[in-house]
Amino acid sequence: MELYKNKERAKQKEDKLINMKKKKLKLTIELVPSTVWYSSLYEICKRNNRSSIWRKIKKEIFKKEGKNAGFVEKKKGVF
C-alpha cells in the first residue's frame, strides 16, 4: 500500500512539473535524481581508486570558493 502511495505522489509531482514547463516559467527547477541521493563524489572516487581526481576537484573548488565551499548556511526567514 505504501509503495502505491509513493508512486501516486511521484506521478502527481511529475504532472505538476510538466504543467509548470508548459507555462514557460522564467525560473526553472532541476531536481536531483533519486538515484544519486546520499551519493558522495568523494566516496565514488575513493572506491574506484581515483583519489587524485577528487583532490584536483577539491583544490579547484577551494581555490574558487574558499575553504567553506559546500556548506550551506540557513538564514533566518528563508523557507
N, C-alpha and C. Protein backbone atom coordinates (compact mmCIF):
# COMPACT_ATOMS: atom_id res chain seq x y z
N MET A 1 0.82 -1.19 0.00
CA MET A 1 0.00 0.00 0.00
C MET A 1 0.87 1.26 0.00
N GLU A 2 1.94 1.25 0.82
CA GLU A 2 2.83 2.42 0.89
C GLU A 2 3.50 2.67 -0.46
N LEU A 3 3.91 1.60 -1.13
CA LEU A 3 4.54 1.74 -2.44
C LEU A 3 3.59 2.39 -3.43
N TYR A 4 2.32 2.01 -3.38
CA TYR A 4 1.32 2.59 -4.26
C TYR A 4 1.18 4.09 -4.00
N LYS A 5 1.17 4.47 -2.72
CA LYS A 5 1.05 5.89 -2.38
C LYS A 5 2.26 6.67 -2.88
N ASN A 6 3.46 6.07 -2.75
CA ASN A 6 4.68 6.75 -3.23
C ASN A 6 4.64 6.94 -4.74
N LYS A 7 4.18 5.93 -5.47
CA LYS A 7 4.09 6.05 -6.92
C LYS A 7 3.06 7.11 -7.31
N GLU A 8 1.97 7.14 -6.56
CA GLU A 8 0.93 8.13 -6.84
C GLU A 8 1.47 9.54 -6.58
N ARG A 9 2.19 9.72 -5.48
CA ARG A 9 2.79 11.04 -5.18
C ARG A 9 3.80 11.44 -6.25
N ALA A 10 4.61 10.47 -6.67
CA ALA A 10 5.61 10.75 -7.70
C ALA A 10 4.93 11.19 -8.99
N LYS A 11 3.85 10.53 -9.34
CA LYS A 11 3.10 10.88 -10.56
C LYS A 11 2.52 12.28 -10.45
N GLN A 12 2.00 12.62 -9.26
CA GLN A 12 1.44 13.95 -9.06
C GLN A 12 2.51 15.02 -9.20
N LYS A 13 3.70 14.75 -8.62
CA LYS A 13 4.80 15.70 -8.73
C LYS A 13 5.25 15.85 -10.18
N GLU A 14 5.31 14.74 -10.87
CA GLU A 14 5.71 14.78 -12.29
C GLU A 14 4.72 15.59 -13.10
N ASP A 15 3.42 15.36 -12.87
CA ASP A 15 2.39 16.12 -13.58
C ASP A 15 2.50 17.61 -13.29
N LYS A 16 2.79 17.94 -12.04
CA LYS A 16 2.93 19.34 -11.66
C LYS A 16 4.11 19.98 -12.38
N LEU A 17 5.22 19.25 -12.48
CA LEU A 17 6.39 19.78 -13.18
C LEU A 17 6.11 19.97 -14.66
N ILE A 18 5.39 19.03 -15.25
CA ILE A 18 5.04 19.15 -16.67
C ILE A 18 4.18 20.39 -16.90
N ASN A 19 3.22 20.60 -16.01
CA ASN A 19 2.36 21.79 -16.14
C ASN A 19 3.16 23.07 -15.98
N MET A 20 4.15 23.06 -15.08
CA MET A 20 5.00 24.24 -14.89
C MET A 20 5.81 24.52 -16.15
N LYS A 21 6.31 23.47 -16.79
CA LYS A 21 7.08 23.65 -18.02
C LYS A 21 6.21 24.25 -19.12
N LYS A 22 4.96 23.85 -19.17
CA LYS A 22 4.05 24.36 -20.19
C LYS A 22 3.82 25.86 -20.02
N LYS A 23 3.90 26.35 -18.78
CA LYS A 23 3.69 27.77 -18.50
C LYS A 23 4.89 28.61 -18.89
N LYS A 24 6.01 27.97 -19.23
CA LYS A 24 7.24 28.64 -19.62
C LYS A 24 7.67 29.66 -18.56
N LEU A 25 7.91 29.15 -17.38
CA LEU A 25 8.33 30.00 -16.28
C LEU A 25 9.73 30.54 -16.53
N LYS A 26 10.01 31.70 -15.99
CA LYS A 26 11.34 32.28 -16.13
C LYS A 26 12.35 31.53 -15.26
N LEU A 27 11.90 31.04 -14.14
CA LEU A 27 12.76 30.31 -13.23
C LEU A 27 12.48 28.82 -13.38
N THR A 28 13.51 28.05 -13.60
CA THR A 28 13.32 26.61 -13.73
C THR A 28 13.97 25.89 -12.56
N ILE A 29 13.46 24.74 -12.28
CA ILE A 29 13.96 23.95 -11.16
C ILE A 29 14.43 22.61 -11.71
N GLU A 30 15.64 22.24 -11.34
CA GLU A 30 16.15 20.93 -11.70
C GLU A 30 16.23 20.10 -10.44
N LEU A 31 15.53 18.99 -10.42
CA LEU A 31 15.56 18.13 -9.26
C LEU A 31 16.75 17.19 -9.35
N VAL A 32 17.24 16.80 -8.22
CA VAL A 32 18.33 15.82 -8.16
C VAL A 32 17.70 14.44 -8.30
N PRO A 33 18.14 13.64 -9.26
CA PRO A 33 17.55 12.31 -9.42
C PRO A 33 17.73 11.47 -8.16
N SER A 34 16.70 10.73 -7.82
CA SER A 34 16.76 9.93 -6.59
C SER A 34 17.87 8.89 -6.64
N THR A 35 18.33 8.54 -7.82
CA THR A 35 19.41 7.56 -7.94
C THR A 35 20.74 8.07 -7.39
N VAL A 36 20.87 9.38 -7.21
CA VAL A 36 22.12 9.92 -6.67
C VAL A 36 21.95 10.51 -5.27
N TRP A 37 20.77 10.35 -4.68
CA TRP A 37 20.58 10.79 -3.30
C TRP A 37 21.55 10.04 -2.42
N TYR A 38 22.11 10.70 -1.47
CA TYR A 38 23.03 10.12 -0.49
C TYR A 38 24.32 9.61 -1.14
N SER A 39 24.59 10.03 -2.36
CA SER A 39 25.84 9.66 -3.01
C SER A 39 26.88 10.74 -2.72
N SER A 40 28.11 10.32 -2.68
CA SER A 40 29.19 11.24 -2.40
C SER A 40 30.25 11.06 -3.49
N LEU A 41 30.59 12.13 -4.17
CA LEU A 41 31.62 12.07 -5.20
C LEU A 41 32.94 11.61 -4.59
N TYR A 42 33.19 12.07 -3.37
CA TYR A 42 34.41 11.65 -2.68
C TYR A 42 34.43 10.12 -2.52
N GLU A 43 33.33 9.55 -2.05
CA GLU A 43 33.27 8.10 -1.84
C GLU A 43 33.38 7.34 -3.16
N ILE A 44 32.77 7.85 -4.21
CA ILE A 44 32.84 7.20 -5.52
C ILE A 44 34.28 7.21 -6.03
N CYS A 45 34.95 8.34 -5.92
CA CYS A 45 36.35 8.43 -6.35
C CYS A 45 37.23 7.50 -5.52
N LYS A 46 37.00 7.49 -4.21
CA LYS A 46 37.80 6.65 -3.31
C LYS A 46 37.61 5.16 -3.65
N ARG A 47 36.37 4.77 -3.86
CA ARG A 47 36.03 3.38 -4.15
C ARG A 47 36.66 2.91 -5.46
N ASN A 48 36.81 3.82 -6.42
CA ASN A 48 37.34 3.46 -7.73
C ASN A 48 38.81 3.84 -7.91
N ASN A 49 39.51 4.01 -6.79
CA ASN A 49 40.94 4.37 -6.81
C ASN A 49 41.22 5.60 -7.67
N ARG A 50 40.37 6.60 -7.51
CA ARG A 50 40.52 7.86 -8.25
C ARG A 50 40.67 9.03 -7.29
N SER A 51 41.38 8.81 -6.20
CA SER A 51 41.55 9.86 -5.19
C SER A 51 42.22 11.10 -5.77
N SER A 52 43.08 10.91 -6.76
CA SER A 52 43.76 12.07 -7.36
C SER A 52 42.75 12.99 -8.06
N ILE A 53 41.72 12.41 -8.64
CA ILE A 53 40.68 13.22 -9.28
C ILE A 53 39.95 14.03 -8.22
N TRP A 54 39.62 13.38 -7.10
CA TRP A 54 38.94 14.09 -6.01
C TRP A 54 39.79 15.24 -5.49
N ARG A 55 41.07 15.00 -5.28
CA ARG A 55 41.95 16.06 -4.77
C ARG A 55 41.99 17.24 -5.75
N LYS A 56 42.00 16.95 -7.05
CA LYS A 56 42.02 18.02 -8.06
C LYS A 56 40.73 18.84 -8.01
N ILE A 57 39.59 18.15 -7.92
CA ILE A 57 38.29 18.83 -7.83
C ILE A 57 38.23 19.69 -6.58
N LYS A 58 38.63 19.09 -5.46
CA LYS A 58 38.62 19.79 -4.17
C LYS A 58 39.49 21.05 -4.22
N LYS A 59 40.69 20.90 -4.78
CA LYS A 59 41.63 22.03 -4.87
C LYS A 59 41.03 23.16 -5.70
N GLU A 60 40.40 22.82 -6.84
CA GLU A 60 39.80 23.83 -7.71
C GLU A 60 38.64 24.54 -7.02
N ILE A 61 37.82 23.79 -6.31
CA ILE A 61 36.68 24.40 -5.62
C ILE A 61 37.16 25.31 -4.49
N PHE A 62 38.12 24.84 -3.71
CA PHE A 62 38.65 25.67 -2.63
C PHE A 62 39.28 26.94 -3.18
N LYS A 63 39.96 26.81 -4.32
CA LYS A 63 40.58 27.99 -4.94
C LYS A 63 39.51 29.00 -5.34
N LYS A 64 38.41 28.49 -5.89
CA LYS A 64 37.36 29.37 -6.38
C LYS A 64 36.45 29.88 -5.25
N GLU A 65 36.06 29.00 -4.32
CA GLU A 65 35.05 29.33 -3.33
C GLU A 65 35.58 29.53 -1.91
N GLY A 66 36.79 29.13 -1.66
CA GLY A 66 37.32 29.23 -0.30
C GLY A 66 37.09 27.94 0.47
N LYS A 67 37.63 27.90 1.67
CA LYS A 67 37.57 26.67 2.48
C LYS A 67 36.16 26.30 2.93
N ASN A 68 35.20 27.20 2.84
CA ASN A 68 33.84 26.89 3.26
C ASN A 68 32.96 26.37 2.13
N ALA A 69 33.54 26.11 0.98
CA ALA A 69 32.76 25.65 -0.17
C ALA A 69 32.02 24.37 0.18
N GLY A 70 30.76 24.31 -0.22
CA GLY A 70 29.98 23.11 0.01
C GLY A 70 29.10 23.16 1.24
N PHE A 71 29.30 24.15 2.10
CA PHE A 71 28.48 24.26 3.29
C PHE A 71 27.37 25.27 3.02
N VAL A 72 26.17 24.90 3.37
CA VAL A 72 25.03 25.79 3.18
C VAL A 72 24.58 26.27 4.55
N GLU A 73 24.46 27.55 4.67
CA GLU A 73 24.07 28.14 5.94
C GLU A 73 22.61 28.57 5.87
N LYS A 74 21.83 28.13 6.82
CA LYS A 74 20.42 28.52 6.86
C LYS A 74 20.31 29.96 7.35
N LYS A 75 19.59 30.76 6.62
CA LYS A 75 19.41 32.15 7.01
C LYS A 75 17.98 32.33 7.53
N LYS A 76 17.87 33.12 8.54
CA LYS A 76 16.58 33.36 9.17
C LYS A 76 15.60 33.94 8.15
N GLY A 77 14.39 33.38 8.14
CA GLY A 77 13.36 33.90 7.27
C GLY A 77 13.30 33.23 5.90
N VAL A 78 14.26 32.39 5.59
CA VAL A 78 14.23 31.70 4.30
C VAL A 78 13.70 30.29 4.53
N PHE A 79 12.65 29.95 3.84
CA PHE A 79 11.98 28.66 3.98
C PHE A 79 11.54 28.49 5.40
